[in-house]
Protein backbone atom coordinates (compact mmCIF):
# COMPACT_ATOMS: atom_id res chain seq x y z
CA MET A 1 0.00 0.00 0.00
CA GLN A 2 3.07 2.25 0.14
CA ALA A 3 3.99 1.81 -3.53
CA PRO A 4 4.25 5.05 -5.49
CA ASP A 5 1.97 3.55 -8.17
CA ARG A 6 -0.52 2.28 -5.59
CA GLN A 7 -3.57 3.85 -7.27
CA GLN A 8 -2.72 2.38 -10.67
CA LEU A 9 -2.27 -1.06 -9.08
CA ILE A 10 -5.58 -0.80 -7.22
CA ASP A 11 -7.40 0.39 -10.34
CA TRP A 12 -5.92 -2.46 -12.37
CA LEU A 13 -6.93 -5.01 -9.74
CA ARG A 14 -10.48 -3.64 -9.57
CA MET A 15 -10.89 -4.31 -13.29
CA GLN A 16 -9.90 -8.00 -13.12
CA SER A 17 -12.36 -10.91 -13.27
CA LEU A 18 -13.26 -12.68 -10.05
CA ALA A 19 -14.05 -15.84 -12.03
CA MET A 20 -13.40 -16.90 -15.61
CA HIS A 21 -14.45 -19.86 -17.75
CA GLU A 22 -12.21 -20.52 -20.72
CA ALA A 23 -11.02 -23.62 -22.57
CA GLY A 24 -13.38 -25.71 -20.43
CA ILE A 25 -11.79 -24.56 -17.15
CA LEU A 26 -13.52 -22.51 -14.48
CA MET A 27 -10.87 -20.35 -12.79
CA VAL A 28 -11.24 -18.82 -9.33
CA HIS A 29 -8.82 -17.77 -6.64
CA ALA A 30 -10.01 -20.18 -3.94
CA GLY A 31 -13.17 -22.16 -4.55
CA VAL A 32 -16.78 -22.49 -5.62
CA LEU A 33 -19.69 -23.25 -3.32
CA PRO A 34 -21.25 -26.65 -4.04
CA GLN A 35 -24.67 -25.28 -4.99
CA TRP A 36 -23.27 -22.91 -7.62
CA SER A 37 -23.19 -23.94 -11.28
CA VAL A 38 -20.61 -22.53 -13.66
CA ALA A 39 -23.16 -20.05 -15.01
CA GLN A 40 -24.20 -18.94 -11.52
CA THR A 41 -20.56 -18.61 -10.41
CA LEU A 42 -19.84 -16.34 -13.37
CA ALA A 43 -23.01 -14.29 -12.80
CA LEU A 44 -22.20 -13.83 -9.11
CA ALA A 45 -18.62 -12.86 -9.92
CA THR A 46 -20.00 -10.24 -12.29
CA GLU A 47 -22.14 -8.80 -9.48
CA VAL A 48 -19.01 -8.18 -7.40
CA GLN A 49 -16.99 -6.96 -10.40
CA THR A 50 -19.73 -4.43 -11.24
CA VAL A 51 -19.51 -2.93 -7.76
CA LEU A 52 -15.70 -2.95 -7.74
CA GLN A 53 -15.67 -1.16 -11.09
CA SER A 54 -18.21 1.46 -9.99
CA ASN A 55 -17.56 4.84 -8.42
CA ASP A 56 -18.91 3.45 -5.12
CA TRP A 57 -16.25 0.73 -4.81
CA THR A 58 -14.67 2.21 -1.67
CA THR A 59 -17.96 1.87 0.24
CA PHE A 60 -18.13 -1.78 -0.76
CA ILE A 61 -14.54 -2.38 0.40
CA THR A 62 -15.40 -1.16 3.91
CA HIS A 63 -18.12 -3.84 4.13
CA MET A 64 -16.37 -6.63 2.21
CA TYR A 65 -14.41 -8.28 5.02
CA GLY A 66 -15.92 -10.59 7.61
CA ASN A 67 -16.88 -14.22 8.15
CA GLN A 68 -20.65 -13.72 8.27
CA PRO A 69 -22.81 -14.73 6.67
CA ASP A 70 -20.95 -17.99 6.13
CA GLN A 71 -23.43 -19.66 3.82
CA TRP A 72 -25.07 -18.79 0.52
CA HIS A 73 -28.81 -18.12 0.27
CA ASP A 74 -30.45 -16.83 -2.89
CA GLU A 75 -32.32 -14.30 -0.74
CA LEU A 76 -29.12 -12.55 0.39
CA THR A 77 -28.90 -8.90 -0.65
CA GLY A 78 -26.56 -5.97 -0.42
CA HIS A 79 -23.19 -6.17 1.29
CA GLU A 80 -23.94 -9.55 2.88
CA ARG A 81 -24.61 -11.11 -0.53
CA LEU A 82 -21.44 -9.65 -1.99
CA ARG A 83 -19.38 -10.71 1.05
CA VAL A 84 -20.45 -14.36 0.68
CA ILE A 85 -19.54 -14.28 -3.01
CA VAL A 86 -16.12 -12.76 -2.31
CA ASN A 87 -15.44 -15.14 0.60
CA ALA A 88 -16.29 -18.21 -1.47
CA MET A 89 -14.21 -17.22 -4.47
CA THR A 90 -11.23 -15.86 -2.54
CA ARG A 91 -11.08 -17.68 0.83
CA LEU A 92 -12.94 -20.99 0.59
CA ARG A 93 -11.19 -24.20 1.58
CA PHE A 94 -13.63 -26.20 3.71
CA CYS A 95 -17.41 -26.24 3.71
CA THR A 96 -20.33 -28.47 4.63
CA PRO A 97 -22.38 -30.30 1.99
CA LEU A 98 -24.87 -27.42 2.29
CA GLY A 99 -22.12 -24.88 1.60
CA GLN A 100 -21.50 -23.44 5.07
CA MET A 101 -17.94 -22.08 4.88
CA GLU A 102 -15.22 -22.52 7.50
CA PHE A 103 -12.36 -20.00 7.46
CA ALA A 104 -10.17 -20.82 10.47
CA HIS A 105 -8.39 -23.95 9.26
CA HIS A 106 -5.67 -23.88 6.60
CA ARG A 107 -4.70 -27.51 6.85
CA ASP A 108 -4.34 -30.15 4.19
CA ALA A 109 -7.57 -31.52 2.76
CA SER A 110 -7.24 -34.71 4.81
CA GLN A 111 -7.46 -32.67 8.05
CA ALA A 112 -10.88 -31.07 7.63
CA PRO A 113 -12.60 -29.76 10.75
CA THR A 114 -15.45 -31.95 12.03
CA GLY A 115 -18.51 -31.63 9.80
CA PHE A 116 -16.58 -29.96 6.98
CA MET A 117 -14.84 -31.19 3.85
CA PRO A 118 -12.80 -29.65 1.05
CA TRP A 119 -15.18 -27.71 -1.20
CA PHE A 120 -14.17 -29.85 -4.20
CA ASP A 121 -15.09 -33.11 -2.38
CA VAL A 122 -18.70 -32.15 -1.66
CA PRO A 123 -20.91 -34.84 -3.24
CA ASN A 124 -23.00 -33.64 -6.16
CA ARG A 125 -21.43 -30.18 -6.32
CA GLN A 126 -22.80 -28.36 -9.33
CA THR A 127 -19.37 -27.88 -10.93
CA GLN A 128 -18.25 -31.50 -10.70
CA GLU A 129 -18.45 -31.96 -14.48
CA THR A 130 -16.25 -28.87 -15.05
CA THR A 131 -12.56 -28.62 -14.31
CA VAL A 132 -11.94 -25.91 -11.71
CA ALA A 133 -8.49 -24.33 -11.43
CA PHE A 134 -7.80 -22.61 -8.11
CA GLY A 135 -5.12 -21.52 -5.69
CA HIS A 136 -5.20 -20.14 -2.14
CA TRP A 137 -4.35 -23.43 -0.44
CA SER A 138 -0.58 -23.82 -0.18
CA SER A 139 -0.78 -26.73 2.29
CA LEU A 140 -2.86 -28.78 -0.13
CA LYS A 141 -1.09 -31.88 -1.42
CA ALA A 142 -1.17 -32.73 -5.13
CA LEU A 143 -4.66 -33.91 -5.99
CA ASN A 144 -4.04 -35.58 -9.35
CA ARG A 145 -7.69 -35.26 -10.33
CA ALA A 146 -9.33 -34.34 -13.62
CA ASP A 147 -12.00 -32.12 -12.04
CA VAL A 148 -9.73 -29.77 -10.07
CA ILE A 149 -6.32 -28.23 -10.69
CA GLU A 150 -4.61 -26.83 -7.60
CA LEU A 151 -2.12 -24.11 -8.45
CA ASP A 152 -0.92 -22.79 -5.08
CA THR A 153 2.23 -24.79 -4.54
CA GLY A 154 3.64 -22.73 -1.69
CA CYS A 155 5.96 -20.28 -3.45
CA VAL A 156 5.96 -17.98 -0.42
CA TRP A 157 7.12 -20.91 1.76
CA GLY A 158 9.89 -22.01 -0.57
CA GLY A 159 7.79 -24.25 -2.81
CA CYS A 160 7.10 -23.47 -6.45
CA LEU A 161 5.38 -20.71 -8.35
CA SER A 162 2.92 -22.61 -10.53
CA ALA A 163 0.96 -21.72 -13.63
CA LEU A 164 -1.23 -23.63 -16.04
CA GLN A 165 -0.63 -23.24 -19.75
CA VAL A 166 -3.65 -24.20 -21.87
CA ASN A 167 -3.57 -24.47 -25.64
CA PRO A 168 -6.91 -22.93 -26.68
CA ALA A 169 -6.99 -24.88 -29.95
CA THR A 170 -6.37 -28.34 -28.51
CA GLY A 171 -7.23 -27.91 -24.83
CA GLN A 172 -3.90 -29.52 -23.95
CA ARG A 173 -2.74 -28.47 -20.48
CA GLN A 174 0.73 -28.17 -19.05
CA ARG A 175 1.65 -27.17 -15.49
CA LEU A 176 4.66 -24.88 -15.38
CA GLN A 177 6.62 -24.48 -12.15
CA VAL A 178 9.57 -22.43 -10.95
CA LYS A 179 11.27 -23.17 -7.63
CA CYS A 180 11.10 -20.25 -5.16
CA ASP A 181 13.16 -19.12 -2.22
CA ALA A 182 11.12 -18.85 0.98
CA ALA A 183 9.77 -15.32 1.36
CA ALA A 184 7.88 -15.89 4.61
CA SER A 185 8.79 -17.51 7.87
CA THR A 186 6.83 -20.47 9.13
CA ASN A 187 6.62 -19.02 12.68
């Protein structure tokens, strides 16, 4: 926040997509609630993007953070609705089969808190037929699954910086990785 080009960086970030669907891959920062389809995920992302790109974006930012509500309901409105959307797409790791989100645990998928599971393991999630690429979970072990592509491989902790290269013509995918020096302490 002290960068001399801070405003340009903020303005650039405000114009970015919260979710994208290209080459058969749904891309989000963290996750997708189990009751959301690809179309609904994209529509909800657009709701947030519209507010972030408006002149009233600073008001939204003051209400964006918080853990409540922790579950999606179609009846949600205003800042609460937008907060659930942002939390799911940028913070989600564990949830219940009904989509109640849990934000305190950052463990590996095998160490879910009681009653919760990794969002991508929820039975009958609406995006199970679509590959979802996501990050935000550096402690996650390699999944080796066709329906999810985890891309946070712990660069900040000395792991790798990972990216996914997709050939739009063929759909062929290749994970690219560069080894990183640890930038953060584990204390």
